[in-house]
Amino acid sequence: MRAEYDFANMTGGVRGKYYKAYRAGHTIKIHKADGSTVVQHFKLEEGAVMLESDVRKYFPDSEAVNNALRCLIPLVKKSSRVRTKAA
């Protein structure tokens, strides 16, 4: 990006406008110097979960996420039993 761009006075932008569509899947085109174009399609694999950046700093990999969630499973089971009691 060029240094002379001044975004301080830009208005009308909407943060996250295309966020959901981008996460659902997107296509990029790479234009090479020889004139050819490469098209790449990106989509999360089935079962994949995207972590937000504030959460990601606490979970470096899928093993850390799975271990944390396994610790929560017994708590979820206990709380659901309490809710199902007849009044």
N, C-alpha and C. Protein backbone atom coordinates (compact mmCIF):
# COMPACT_ATOMS: atom_id res chain seq x y z
N MET A 1 0.85 -1.16 0.00
CA MET A 1 0.00 0.00 0.00
C MET A 1 0.90 1.23 0.00
N ARG A 2 0.52 2.20 -0.71
CA ARG A 2 1.32 3.42 -0.81
C ARG A 2 1.22 4.26 0.46
N ALA A 3 2.32 4.92 0.79
CA ALA A 3 2.39 5.74 2.01
C ALA A 3 1.48 6.96 1.94
N GLU A 4 1.18 7.44 0.74
CA GLU A 4 0.40 8.68 0.63
C GLU A 4 -1.11 8.50 0.86
N TYR A 5 -1.57 7.27 1.04
CA TYR A 5 -2.99 7.07 1.32
C TYR A 5 -3.30 7.57 2.73
N ASP A 6 -4.33 8.39 2.85
CA ASP A 6 -4.73 8.93 4.14
C ASP A 6 -6.16 8.46 4.42
N PHE A 7 -6.28 7.53 5.34
CA PHE A 7 -7.59 6.96 5.65
C PHE A 7 -8.28 7.70 6.80
N ALA A 8 -7.63 8.70 7.36
CA ALA A 8 -8.20 9.42 8.50
C ALA A 8 -9.51 10.11 8.15
N ASN A 9 -9.65 10.57 6.92
CA ASN A 9 -10.85 11.31 6.53
C ASN A 9 -11.87 10.46 5.78
N MET A 10 -11.62 9.19 5.66
CA MET A 10 -12.57 8.32 4.95
C MET A 10 -13.77 8.04 5.84
N THR A 11 -14.95 8.08 5.25
CA THR A 11 -16.18 7.80 6.00
C THR A 11 -17.02 6.82 5.19
N GLY A 12 -17.97 6.22 5.84
CA GLY A 12 -18.91 5.36 5.14
C GLY A 12 -18.55 3.89 5.15
N GLY A 13 -17.38 3.56 5.62
CA GLY A 13 -16.99 2.16 5.67
C GLY A 13 -17.74 1.42 6.77
N VAL A 14 -18.05 0.17 6.53
CA VAL A 14 -18.75 -0.64 7.51
C VAL A 14 -17.85 -1.80 7.90
N ARG A 15 -17.45 -1.84 9.15
CA ARG A 15 -16.57 -2.90 9.62
C ARG A 15 -17.32 -4.23 9.61
N GLY A 16 -16.70 -5.24 9.01
CA GLY A 16 -17.28 -6.57 9.00
C GLY A 16 -18.41 -6.77 8.01
N LYS A 17 -18.55 -5.91 7.04
CA LYS A 17 -19.66 -5.98 6.10
C LYS A 17 -19.72 -7.33 5.37
N TYR A 18 -18.57 -7.85 4.98
CA TYR A 18 -18.53 -9.10 4.22
C TYR A 18 -17.98 -10.26 5.05
N TYR A 19 -17.95 -10.10 6.36
CA TYR A 19 -17.35 -11.08 7.25
C TYR A 19 -17.98 -12.47 7.13
N LYS A 20 -19.29 -12.56 7.24
CA LYS A 20 -19.96 -13.86 7.18
C LYS A 20 -19.80 -14.52 5.82
N ALA A 21 -19.93 -13.75 4.77
CA ALA A 21 -19.77 -14.31 3.42
C ALA A 21 -18.35 -14.80 3.20
N TYR A 22 -17.37 -14.06 3.70
CA TYR A 22 -15.97 -14.45 3.56
C TYR A 22 -15.70 -15.76 4.28
N ARG A 23 -16.24 -15.92 5.48
CA ARG A 23 -16.03 -17.15 6.24
C ARG A 23 -16.76 -18.33 5.62
N ALA A 24 -17.84 -18.08 4.92
CA ALA A 24 -18.58 -19.16 4.27
C ALA A 24 -17.79 -19.74 3.11
N GLY A 25 -16.90 -18.97 2.53
CA GLY A 25 -16.06 -19.41 1.42
C GLY A 25 -15.77 -18.25 0.50
N HIS A 26 -14.59 -18.25 -0.08
CA HIS A 26 -14.24 -17.16 -0.98
C HIS A 26 -13.27 -17.64 -2.05
N THR A 27 -13.17 -16.87 -3.10
CA THR A 27 -12.30 -17.18 -4.24
C THR A 27 -11.35 -16.02 -4.45
N ILE A 28 -10.09 -16.33 -4.72
CA ILE A 28 -9.15 -15.28 -5.07
C ILE A 28 -8.55 -15.58 -6.44
N LYS A 29 -8.20 -14.52 -7.15
CA LYS A 29 -7.53 -14.65 -8.44
C LYS A 29 -6.14 -14.05 -8.31
N ILE A 30 -5.14 -14.79 -8.72
CA ILE A 30 -3.76 -14.33 -8.68
C ILE A 30 -3.32 -14.10 -10.12
N HIS A 31 -3.03 -12.85 -10.44
CA HIS A 31 -2.59 -12.48 -11.78
C HIS A 31 -1.06 -12.48 -11.79
N LYS A 32 -0.48 -13.37 -12.56
CA LYS A 32 0.97 -13.51 -12.60
C LYS A 32 1.58 -12.60 -13.66
N ALA A 33 2.89 -12.38 -13.52
CA ALA A 33 3.61 -11.48 -14.43
C ALA A 33 3.58 -11.98 -15.87
N ASP A 34 3.48 -13.30 -16.06
CA ASP A 34 3.47 -13.84 -17.43
C ASP A 34 2.10 -13.75 -18.10
N GLY A 35 1.13 -13.14 -17.41
CA GLY A 35 -0.20 -12.96 -17.98
C GLY A 35 -1.20 -14.04 -17.59
N SER A 36 -0.73 -15.10 -16.98
CA SER A 36 -1.64 -16.17 -16.57
C SER A 36 -2.35 -15.79 -15.26
N THR A 37 -3.46 -16.44 -15.03
CA THR A 37 -4.24 -16.21 -13.82
C THR A 37 -4.49 -17.53 -13.12
N VAL A 38 -4.27 -17.55 -11.83
CA VAL A 38 -4.53 -18.73 -11.01
C VAL A 38 -5.72 -18.41 -10.12
N VAL A 39 -6.71 -19.31 -10.10
CA VAL A 39 -7.89 -19.12 -9.27
C VAL A 39 -7.84 -20.13 -8.14
N GLN A 40 -8.00 -19.64 -6.91
CA GLN A 40 -8.00 -20.52 -5.74
C GLN A 40 -9.29 -20.31 -4.96
N HIS A 41 -9.89 -21.42 -4.54
CA HIS A 41 -11.13 -21.39 -3.77
C HIS A 41 -10.80 -21.81 -2.34
N PHE A 42 -11.32 -21.08 -1.38
CA PHE A 42 -11.09 -21.37 0.03
C PHE A 42 -12.42 -21.54 0.74
N LYS A 43 -12.51 -22.58 1.54
CA LYS A 43 -13.70 -22.84 2.34
C LYS A 43 -13.28 -23.65 3.55
N LEU A 44 -13.89 -23.37 4.70
CA LEU A 44 -13.58 -24.16 5.88
C LEU A 44 -14.03 -25.60 5.66
N GLU A 45 -13.20 -26.53 6.09
CA GLU A 45 -13.56 -27.94 5.97
C GLU A 45 -14.72 -28.25 6.91
N GLU A 46 -15.45 -29.30 6.61
CA GLU A 46 -16.57 -29.74 7.44
C GLU A 46 -16.06 -30.00 8.86
N GLY A 47 -16.71 -29.43 9.84
CA GLY A 47 -16.31 -29.60 11.23
C GLY A 47 -15.28 -28.60 11.71
N ALA A 48 -14.72 -27.82 10.82
CA ALA A 48 -13.72 -26.82 11.22
C ALA A 48 -14.41 -25.64 11.91
N VAL A 49 -13.73 -25.08 12.86
CA VAL A 49 -14.25 -23.95 13.61
C VAL A 49 -13.23 -22.83 13.55
N MET A 50 -13.67 -21.61 13.30
CA MET A 50 -12.78 -20.46 13.24
C MET A 50 -12.85 -19.74 14.59
N LEU A 51 -11.70 -19.58 15.24
CA LEU A 51 -11.65 -18.89 16.52
C LEU A 51 -11.42 -17.40 16.30
N GLU A 52 -12.09 -16.59 17.08
CA GLU A 52 -11.86 -15.15 17.05
C GLU A 52 -10.48 -14.87 17.62
N SER A 53 -9.90 -13.73 17.26
CA SER A 53 -8.52 -13.43 17.65
C SER A 53 -8.34 -13.34 19.16
N ASP A 54 -9.32 -12.83 19.90
CA ASP A 54 -9.16 -12.74 21.35
C ASP A 54 -9.16 -14.12 22.01
N VAL A 55 -9.86 -15.08 21.44
CA VAL A 55 -9.88 -16.45 21.95
C VAL A 55 -8.62 -17.19 21.51
N ARG A 56 -8.20 -16.94 20.29
CA ARG A 56 -7.06 -17.65 19.69
C ARG A 56 -5.77 -17.48 20.49
N LYS A 57 -5.60 -16.34 21.16
CA LYS A 57 -4.36 -16.13 21.90
C LYS A 57 -4.24 -17.07 23.10
N TYR A 58 -5.35 -17.66 23.56
CA TYR A 58 -5.32 -18.60 24.67
C TYR A 58 -5.23 -20.06 24.21
N PHE A 59 -5.50 -20.31 22.94
CA PHE A 59 -5.51 -21.67 22.42
C PHE A 59 -4.62 -21.75 21.18
N PRO A 60 -3.37 -22.20 21.34
CA PRO A 60 -2.43 -22.19 20.23
C PRO A 60 -2.71 -23.23 19.15
N ASP A 61 -3.46 -24.30 19.49
CA ASP A 61 -3.71 -25.35 18.50
C ASP A 61 -5.00 -26.09 18.83
N SER A 62 -5.38 -27.01 17.96
CA SER A 62 -6.64 -27.73 18.14
C SER A 62 -6.63 -28.60 19.38
N GLU A 63 -5.47 -29.11 19.76
CA GLU A 63 -5.38 -29.94 20.97
C GLU A 63 -5.77 -29.12 22.21
N ALA A 64 -5.31 -27.88 22.29
CA ALA A 64 -5.64 -27.02 23.42
C ALA A 64 -7.14 -26.73 23.46
N VAL A 65 -7.74 -26.49 22.32
CA VAL A 65 -9.18 -26.23 22.25
C VAL A 65 -9.96 -27.46 22.68
N ASN A 66 -9.60 -28.61 22.15
CA ASN A 66 -10.31 -29.85 22.50
C ASN A 66 -10.18 -30.17 23.98
N ASN A 67 -9.00 -29.97 24.57
CA ASN A 67 -8.82 -30.24 26.00
C ASN A 67 -9.71 -29.33 26.84
N ALA A 68 -9.79 -28.06 26.48
CA ALA A 68 -10.64 -27.12 27.22
C ALA A 68 -12.11 -27.50 27.10
N LEU A 69 -12.53 -27.86 25.90
CA LEU A 69 -13.94 -28.23 25.70
C LEU A 69 -14.29 -29.52 26.42
N ARG A 70 -13.36 -30.46 26.47
CA ARG A 70 -13.61 -31.72 27.20
C ARG A 70 -13.81 -31.46 28.69
N CYS A 71 -13.14 -30.44 29.23
CA CYS A 71 -13.34 -30.07 30.63
C CYS A 71 -14.72 -29.47 30.87
N LEU A 72 -15.29 -28.85 29.86
CA LEU A 72 -16.61 -28.23 29.99
C LEU A 72 -17.76 -29.21 29.82
N ILE A 73 -17.53 -30.30 29.13
CA ILE A 73 -18.61 -31.26 28.84
C ILE A 73 -19.30 -31.75 30.11
N PRO A 74 -18.57 -32.17 31.16
CA PRO A 74 -19.27 -32.61 32.38
C PRO A 74 -20.11 -31.50 33.01
N LEU A 75 -19.66 -30.26 32.91
CA LEU A 75 -20.43 -29.15 33.47
C LEU A 75 -21.72 -28.93 32.71
N VAL A 76 -21.68 -29.07 31.40
CA VAL A 76 -22.87 -28.91 30.57
C VAL A 76 -23.86 -30.02 30.87
N LYS A 77 -23.36 -31.23 31.04
CA LYS A 77 -24.24 -32.36 31.35
C LYS A 77 -24.94 -32.15 32.69
N LYS A 78 -24.21 -31.66 33.71
CA LYS A 78 -24.80 -31.42 35.03
C LYS A 78 -25.86 -30.33 34.97
N SER A 79 -25.57 -29.23 34.27
CA SER A 79 -26.53 -28.13 34.22
C SER A 79 -27.79 -28.51 33.44
N SER A 80 -27.66 -29.39 32.44
CA SER A 80 -28.85 -29.79 31.69
C SER A 80 -29.73 -30.71 32.52
N ARG A 81 -29.14 -31.48 33.45
CA ARG A 81 -29.94 -32.34 34.33
C ARG A 81 -30.76 -31.51 35.30
N VAL A 82 -30.19 -30.41 35.77
CA VAL A 82 -30.91 -29.54 36.71
C VAL A 82 -32.11 -28.90 36.03
N ARG A 83 -31.96 -28.50 34.79
CA ARG A 83 -33.04 -27.84 34.05
C ARG A 83 -34.19 -28.79 33.72
N THR A 84 -33.93 -30.08 33.61
CA THR A 84 -34.97 -31.01 33.18
C THR A 84 -35.83 -31.51 34.34
N LYS A 85 -35.55 -31.08 35.58
CA LYS A 85 -36.37 -31.51 36.71
C LYS A 85 -37.79 -30.96 36.56
N ALA A 86 -38.75 -31.78 36.92
CA ALA A 86 -40.15 -31.35 36.85
C ALA A 86 -40.45 -30.38 37.97
N ALA A 87 -41.28 -29.39 37.70
CA ALA A 87 -41.61 -28.37 38.70
C ALA A 87 -42.72 -28.83 39.60
